Protein backbone atom coordinates (compact mmCIF):
# COMPACT_ATOMS: atom_id res chain seq x y z
CA MET A 1 0.74 26.11 3.91
CA ASN A 2 -3.01 25.70 4.67
CA ARG A 3 -4.84 26.36 1.48
CA ARG A 4 -8.25 27.68 2.32
CA CYS A 5 -10.88 29.56 0.45
CA VAL A 6 -14.62 30.53 1.05
CA LEU A 7 -16.38 29.99 -2.18
CA GLY A 8 -17.70 32.92 -3.98
CA SER A 9 -21.27 33.32 -5.22
CA MET A 10 -21.84 30.14 -7.32
CA GLY A 11 -24.93 31.81 -9.35
CA LEU A 12 -27.07 29.05 -8.60
CA LEU A 13 -30.90 29.01 -9.11
CA LEU A 14 -32.90 29.12 -5.84
CA VAL A 15 -35.95 26.93 -6.51
CA ALA A 16 -37.26 26.85 -2.86
CA PRO A 17 -37.34 30.45 -1.63
CA ALA A 18 -39.69 29.64 1.23
CA LEU A 19 -37.46 26.92 2.66
CA ALA A 20 -34.34 29.36 2.16
CA GLN A 21 -36.22 32.22 4.11
CA SER A 22 -37.29 29.99 6.88
CA LYS A 23 -33.92 28.48 7.71
CA LYS A 24 -30.87 30.03 9.23
CA THR A 25 -27.75 30.04 7.00
CA ALA A 26 -26.28 26.55 6.80
CA ARG A 27 -22.54 26.19 7.05
CA LEU A 28 -20.88 23.60 4.92
CA GLY A 29 -17.17 22.57 5.64
CA MET A 30 -15.32 20.74 2.86
CA LEU A 31 -12.30 18.62 3.21
CA LEU A 32 -11.02 17.99 -0.59
CA LEU A 33 -8.16 16.13 -2.13
CA GLY A 34 -7.80 18.77 -4.81
CA ARG A 35 -9.85 21.19 -6.91
CA LEU A 36 -12.36 18.61 -8.45
CA GLY A 37 -14.08 20.87 -10.87
CA PRO A 38 -16.71 18.58 -12.35
CA LEU A 39 -17.61 16.90 -9.14
CA ASN A 40 -17.93 20.16 -7.15
CA ASP A 41 -19.86 21.68 -9.99
CA ALA A 42 -22.50 18.77 -10.12
CA PHE A 43 -22.60 18.93 -6.28
CA PHE A 44 -23.35 22.72 -6.10
CA ALA A 45 -25.89 22.67 -8.98
CA GLU A 46 -27.82 20.05 -7.22
CA LEU A 47 -27.80 21.79 -3.94
CA GLY A 48 -29.07 24.90 -5.71
CA ARG A 49 -31.98 22.72 -7.21
CA ARG A 50 -32.74 21.69 -3.80
CA GLY A 51 -33.00 25.10 -2.50
CA TRP A 52 -29.52 25.83 -1.03
CA SER A 53 -27.78 28.80 -2.50
CA GLN A 54 -24.40 30.25 -1.75
CA GLY A 55 -24.81 33.77 -0.38
CA ARG A 56 -28.59 33.41 0.66
CA ASN A 57 -28.86 30.39 2.97
CA LEU A 58 -25.61 28.54 2.40
CA GLN A 59 -22.08 29.39 3.57
CA VAL A 60 -19.19 27.12 2.35
CA GLU A 61 -15.63 26.93 3.60
CA MET A 62 -13.07 24.56 1.82
CA HIS A 63 -9.76 22.90 2.74
CA VAL A 64 -7.69 21.23 0.23
CA THR A 65 -5.35 18.60 1.76
CA ALA A 66 -3.40 17.88 -1.58
CA SER A 67 0.20 17.48 -0.52
CA GLU A 68 -0.57 18.35 3.13
CA GLN A 69 -2.32 15.18 3.95
CA GLU A 70 -0.71 14.90 7.36
CA ARG A 71 -2.63 18.05 8.31
CA ALA A 72 -6.09 16.82 7.25
CA GLN A 73 -7.29 16.21 10.97
CA GLU A 74 -6.00 19.76 11.90
CA MET A 75 -7.95 21.15 8.89
CA ALA A 76 -11.11 19.08 9.87
CA SER A 77 -10.85 20.35 13.46
CA GLU A 78 -10.76 24.12 12.14
CA LEU A 79 -13.79 23.49 10.17
CA VAL A 80 -15.50 22.10 13.31
CA ARG A 81 -14.29 25.08 15.39
CA ASP A 82 -15.78 27.47 12.74
CA GLY A 83 -19.16 26.04 13.34
CA ALA A 84 -19.73 23.62 10.26
CA ASP A 85 -23.18 22.11 10.41
CA VAL A 86 -22.05 19.32 7.82
CA LEU A 87 -18.55 18.25 6.81
CA VAL A 88 -18.28 17.13 3.21
CA THR A 89 -15.29 14.97 2.30
CA VAL A 90 -13.45 13.53 -0.88
CA GLY A 91 -11.21 10.53 -0.13
CA THR A 92 -11.43 7.94 2.58
CA ALA A 93 -8.55 9.41 4.43
CA ASN A 94 -10.14 12.89 4.63
CA ALA A 95 -13.36 11.19 5.87
CA VAL A 96 -11.39 9.34 8.58
CA ALA A 97 -9.69 12.59 9.62
CA ALA A 98 -12.92 14.27 9.87
CA ARG A 99 -14.31 11.50 11.96
CA LYS A 100 -11.42 11.93 14.29
CA ALA A 101 -12.06 15.63 14.50
CA THR A 102 -15.90 15.15 15.56
CA ASN A 103 -18.09 12.31 16.28
CA SER A 104 -21.29 14.48 16.27
CA ILE A 105 -21.31 16.70 13.31
CA PRO A 106 -22.59 14.83 10.32
CA ILE A 107 -19.94 13.92 7.69
CA VAL A 108 -21.07 13.29 3.99
CA MET A 109 -18.50 11.45 1.65
CA LEU A 110 -18.83 12.67 -1.82
CA ALA A 111 -16.38 9.95 -2.70
CA SER A 112 -14.74 7.22 -0.61
CA GLY A 113 -13.17 3.75 -1.07
CA PHE A 114 -13.96 1.22 1.42
CA PRO A 115 -15.76 3.02 4.25
CA VAL A 116 -16.59 -0.15 6.28
CA GLU A 117 -13.12 -1.59 5.96
CA SER A 118 -11.70 1.78 6.93
CA GLY A 119 -13.58 1.89 10.22
CA LEU A 120 -16.04 4.63 9.11
CA ALA A 121 -19.37 2.70 9.16
CA ALA A 122 -20.72 -0.47 10.75
CA SER A 123 -22.25 -1.36 7.39
CA LEU A 124 -23.28 0.14 4.16
CA ALA A 125 -26.94 -0.41 4.80
CA ARG A 126 -26.82 0.92 8.39
CA PRO A 127 -23.76 3.07 8.83
CA GLY A 128 -24.48 4.04 12.50
CA GLY A 129 -22.48 7.13 13.87
CA ASN A 130 -22.10 10.37 12.04
CA VAL A 131 -20.70 9.30 8.71
CA THR A 132 -22.62 8.49 5.38
CA GLY A 133 -22.48 9.24 1.67
CA LEU A 134 -20.98 7.55 -1.35
CA SER A 135 -18.49 4.74 -2.06
CA VAL A 136 -16.94 4.92 -5.59
CA TYR A 137 -15.79 1.18 -5.69
CA ALA A 138 -19.02 -0.87 -5.39
CA GLY A 139 -16.76 -3.50 -3.87
CA THR A 140 -13.67 -5.34 -5.02
CA ALA A 141 -15.60 -6.64 -8.24
CA LEU A 142 -14.79 -3.34 -9.82
CA PHE A 143 -11.08 -4.19 -9.85
CA SER A 144 -11.62 -7.51 -11.42
CA LYS A 145 -13.75 -5.85 -13.91
CA TYR A 146 -10.77 -3.56 -14.81
CA ILE A 147 -8.65 -6.63 -15.75
CA SER A 148 -11.41 -8.34 -17.68
CA LEU A 149 -11.97 -5.28 -19.79
CA PHE A 150 -8.26 -4.91 -20.28
CA HIS A 151 -7.92 -8.52 -21.41
CA GLU A 152 -10.78 -8.05 -23.85
CA LEU A 153 -9.08 -4.89 -25.19
CA VAL A 154 -5.73 -6.64 -25.58
CA PRO A 155 -6.45 -10.27 -25.96
CA ASN A 156 -2.84 -11.34 -26.01
CA LEU A 157 -2.09 -9.49 -22.81
CA ARG A 158 0.46 -11.59 -20.74
CA ASN A 159 2.38 -9.00 -18.86
CA LEU A 160 0.47 -6.43 -17.18
CA GLY A 161 1.97 -3.54 -15.07
CA VAL A 162 0.21 -1.38 -12.81
CA PHE A 163 1.15 2.13 -11.60
CA TRP A 164 -0.79 2.76 -8.42
CA GLY A 165 -1.15 6.23 -7.14
CA TYR A 166 -3.76 5.58 -4.21
CA ALA A 167 -1.24 5.29 -1.54
CA PRO A 168 -0.93 6.24 2.10
CA PRO A 169 -1.19 8.76 3.60
CA ALA A 170 -3.80 10.21 1.34
CA PHE A 171 -5.48 6.78 0.88
CA PRO A 172 -5.58 3.97 3.67
CA GLN A 173 -3.35 1.07 3.09
CA VAL A 174 -6.49 -1.23 3.57
CA GLU A 175 -7.82 0.02 0.27
CA THR A 176 -4.72 -0.58 -1.62
CA ASP A 177 -4.50 -4.09 -0.21
CA LEU A 178 -8.16 -4.93 -1.15
CA ALA A 179 -8.02 -3.28 -4.50
CA VAL A 180 -4.60 -4.52 -5.80
CA GLY A 181 -5.41 -8.06 -4.23
CA ALA A 182 -8.49 -8.13 -6.28
CA MET A 183 -6.63 -7.16 -9.37
CA ARG A 184 -3.88 -9.58 -8.92
CA SER A 185 -6.21 -12.45 -8.57
CA ALA A 186 -8.19 -11.74 -11.71
CA ALA A 187 -4.94 -11.26 -13.53
CA GLN A 188 -3.60 -14.54 -12.54
CA SER A 189 -6.73 -16.38 -13.27
CA LEU A 190 -6.29 -15.09 -16.84
CA GLY A 191 -2.70 -16.40 -16.86
CA MET A 192 -1.04 -12.92 -16.65
CA ASN A 193 2.06 -11.80 -15.10
CA PHE A 194 1.23 -8.85 -12.74
CA ARG A 195 3.60 -6.36 -11.41
CA VAL A 196 2.77 -3.31 -9.21
CA TRP A 197 4.75 -0.05 -8.75
CA MET A 198 3.43 2.12 -5.99
CA ASN A 199 3.86 5.64 -6.49
CA ARG A 200 3.61 7.86 -3.20
CA ASP A 201 5.42 10.93 -4.51
CA GLY A 202 7.58 12.28 -7.24
CA ASN A 203 10.65 10.40 -6.02
CA ASP A 204 8.78 6.97 -6.05
CA LEU A 205 7.47 7.81 -9.62
CA ALA A 206 11.07 8.63 -10.84
CA ALA A 207 12.51 5.30 -9.43
CA ASN A 208 9.64 3.11 -10.71
CA LEU A 209 9.68 4.58 -14.03
CA ALA A 210 13.28 3.63 -14.29
CA ALA A 211 12.60 0.07 -12.87
CA ALA A 212 9.70 -0.39 -15.37
CA ASP A 213 11.79 0.52 -18.26
CA THR A 214 13.58 -2.73 -17.84
CA ALA A 215 10.58 -4.72 -17.34
CA ARG A 216 8.70 -6.92 -19.71
CA LEU A 217 5.39 -5.15 -20.21
CA ASP A 218 2.48 -5.58 -22.82
CA ALA A 219 0.36 -3.01 -21.17
CA LEU A 220 0.05 -0.65 -18.17
CA PHE A 221 -2.94 0.30 -15.74
CA VAL A 222 -2.64 3.70 -14.50
CA SER A 223 -4.62 4.80 -11.63
CA ALA A 224 -5.16 8.37 -10.57
CA GLY A 225 -3.85 9.63 -7.19
CA GLY A 226 -0.61 11.21 -5.95
CA PRO A 227 1.97 12.15 -8.55
CA GLN A 228 -0.10 10.35 -11.12
CA SER A 229 -2.85 13.20 -11.05
CA VAL A 230 -0.45 16.29 -11.24
CA PRO A 231 0.82 17.56 -14.66
CA GLU A 232 4.53 16.80 -14.11
CA GLY A 233 3.70 13.24 -13.35
CA ILE A 234 1.16 12.76 -16.12
CA GLU A 235 3.79 14.06 -18.56
CA LYS A 236 6.53 11.54 -17.38
CA ILE A 237 3.99 8.59 -17.50
CA SER A 238 2.84 9.51 -20.92
CA ALA A 239 6.31 9.65 -22.26
CA PHE A 240 7.26 6.37 -20.84
CA CYS A 241 4.15 4.80 -22.33
CA GLU A 242 4.82 6.54 -25.66
CA LYS A 243 8.46 5.15 -25.73
CA ARG A 244 7.36 1.74 -24.74
CA ARG A 245 4.47 1.75 -27.19
CA LEU A 246 2.03 0.71 -24.29
CA PRO A 247 -1.59 0.46 -24.30
CA THR A 248 -2.93 1.99 -21.15
CA MET A 249 -6.11 1.84 -19.19
CA CYS A 250 -7.32 4.23 -16.54
CA ASP A 251 -9.84 4.38 -13.66
CA ILE A 252 -10.59 7.96 -14.48
CA ALA A 253 -11.06 9.69 -17.81
CA GLY A 254 -9.00 12.54 -16.69
CA LEU A 255 -5.80 14.38 -17.94
CA PHE A 256 -3.59 11.12 -18.29
CA PHE A 257 -6.18 9.36 -20.20
CA LEU A 258 -6.82 12.47 -22.51
CA SER A 259 -2.91 12.66 -23.14
CA GLY A 260 -2.30 8.90 -23.58
CA GLY A 261 -4.82 6.57 -22.49
CA VAL A 262 -6.72 3.93 -24.71
CA MET A 263 -9.35 3.01 -22.37
CA ALA A 264 -11.00 4.27 -19.13
CA TYR A 265 -13.70 2.84 -16.97
CA ALA A 266 -14.73 5.19 -14.28
CA VAL A 267 -17.61 6.13 -12.09
CA ASP A 268 -19.93 9.07 -13.43
CA VAL A 269 -18.58 12.04 -11.35
CA ASN A 270 -22.06 13.94 -12.03
CA GLU A 271 -23.74 11.04 -10.31
CA LEU A 272 -21.54 11.39 -7.10
CA GLY A 273 -22.28 15.10 -7.09
CA PHE A 274 -25.92 14.90 -7.50
CA ARG A 275 -26.27 12.03 -5.10
CA GLY A 276 -23.90 13.67 -2.50
CA ALA A 277 -25.93 16.86 -2.66
CA SER A 278 -29.17 14.65 -1.76
CA PHE A 279 -27.32 13.51 1.50
CA VAL A 280 -26.46 16.98 2.58
CA ASP A 281 -30.03 18.26 1.63
CA ARG A 282 -31.69 15.55 3.73
CA ILE A 283 -29.41 16.06 6.73
CA LEU A 284 -29.75 19.92 6.79
CA ARG A 285 -33.52 19.05 6.78
CA GLY A 286 -33.15 16.80 9.94
CA ALA A 287 -32.03 13.39 8.87
CA LYS A 288 -29.59 11.42 11.00
CA PRO A 289 -26.56 10.43 8.91
CA GLY A 290 -26.31 7.04 10.75
CA GLU A 291 -29.65 6.05 9.40
CA LEU A 292 -29.02 7.04 5.75
CA PRO A 293 -27.35 4.00 3.80
CA ILE A 294 -24.04 4.46 2.14
CA GLU A 295 -24.58 4.30 -1.62
CA GLN A 296 -22.58 2.55 -4.24
CA PRO A 297 -22.45 3.87 -7.72
CA THR A 298 -25.03 2.83 -10.29
CA ARG A 299 -23.31 4.00 -13.35
CA PHE A 300 -19.85 3.55 -14.80
CA GLU A 301 -18.63 4.88 -18.06
CA LEU A 302 -16.58 3.14 -20.61
CA VAL A 303 -14.44 5.62 -22.72
CA LEU A 304 -12.21 4.58 -25.52
CA ASN A 305 -9.66 6.56 -27.28
CA GLN A 306 -9.77 5.43 -30.91
CA ARG A 307 -7.19 8.04 -31.94
CA ARG A 308 -4.60 6.68 -29.43
CA ALA A 309 -5.33 3.15 -30.42
CA ARG A 310 -4.57 3.78 -33.99
CA ALA A 311 -1.36 5.57 -33.10
CA LEU A 312 -0.27 2.35 -31.30
CA GLY A 313 -1.40 0.38 -34.45
CA MET A 314 -3.96 -1.60 -32.41
CA THR A 315 -7.52 -2.26 -33.31
CA ILE A 316 -10.17 -1.69 -30.60
CA PRO A 317 -12.64 -4.76 -30.74
CA PRO A 318 -15.97 -3.73 -32.39
CA THR A 319 -17.92 -5.17 -29.51
CA MET A 320 -16.29 -2.72 -27.25
CA LEU A 321 -16.89 0.26 -29.55
CA ILE A 322 -20.63 -0.65 -29.57
CA ARG A 323 -20.63 -0.75 -25.71
CA ALA A 324 -18.71 2.42 -25.16
CA ASP A 325 -20.25 5.37 -23.53
CA ARG A 326 -17.87 7.70 -25.32
CA VAL A 327 -15.41 7.11 -28.30
CA ILE A 328 -12.67 9.65 -28.99
CA GLU A 329 -12.14 9.72 -32.68
């Protein structure tokens, strides 16, 4: 069933009343993977600071693809028919769906993976076409960074498992190939055995948990996405890691990290929201999306869970504690 809502009043401060009164109401269509509270909050707060206020000069319509990814293009087409001035997407597959629905209405990616490799832009510096916005990965180097951080956290790490949730259809296959390939290369260069379990849905997760239970593992990397981002899946993976006494690393300091993660290295979602709003603002003021370079994140947060580490009987290196942006005691 299509889940659709029109956002109610955001209670945002209007700081440019002259602009608001001189413009017709702008229509924003959003195609999201889920209800991403912190990202949405930062995005709408920054729009408010730039003079765009829900109920005054901004109308917002939202579609959430969630488990209906196969209907993403249909949802995007509906937003186009409803007269959206700008489409805002989260997730590369949603940006692809929006691009298939229109090649003229501007599309702003609040979060994407590899937009060039996914055919959304000619280049990051000069996207061309009608798609621009933000990439959360800053290239494949980020995935090598995950491995080096994990090796620093667990110096004797030899057998690394990966539970990967960024799988088709919600995420293009090319992104999985690039990301996992970079991680595998980095792990092998450090002499690690590397094993990946791809979790597209709950059935995959159940089967892979059973398979991983007999595998030799020293640690587990758990991405967000798919069944790894919903409460039931998080509970199952957390129970598995507790049973095996595995230190875990996450790419988002979200629910799984809070329940059982030791380390997270993640893009600052507030930065994504703020920067995404700047794209929308400039486009609503007349900028062409194809001329706005796609931006990569400038800030990542290293978050360490000291409490979880102690429960596992492990010691986080002091050099990492000093560098951490946040430490959960």
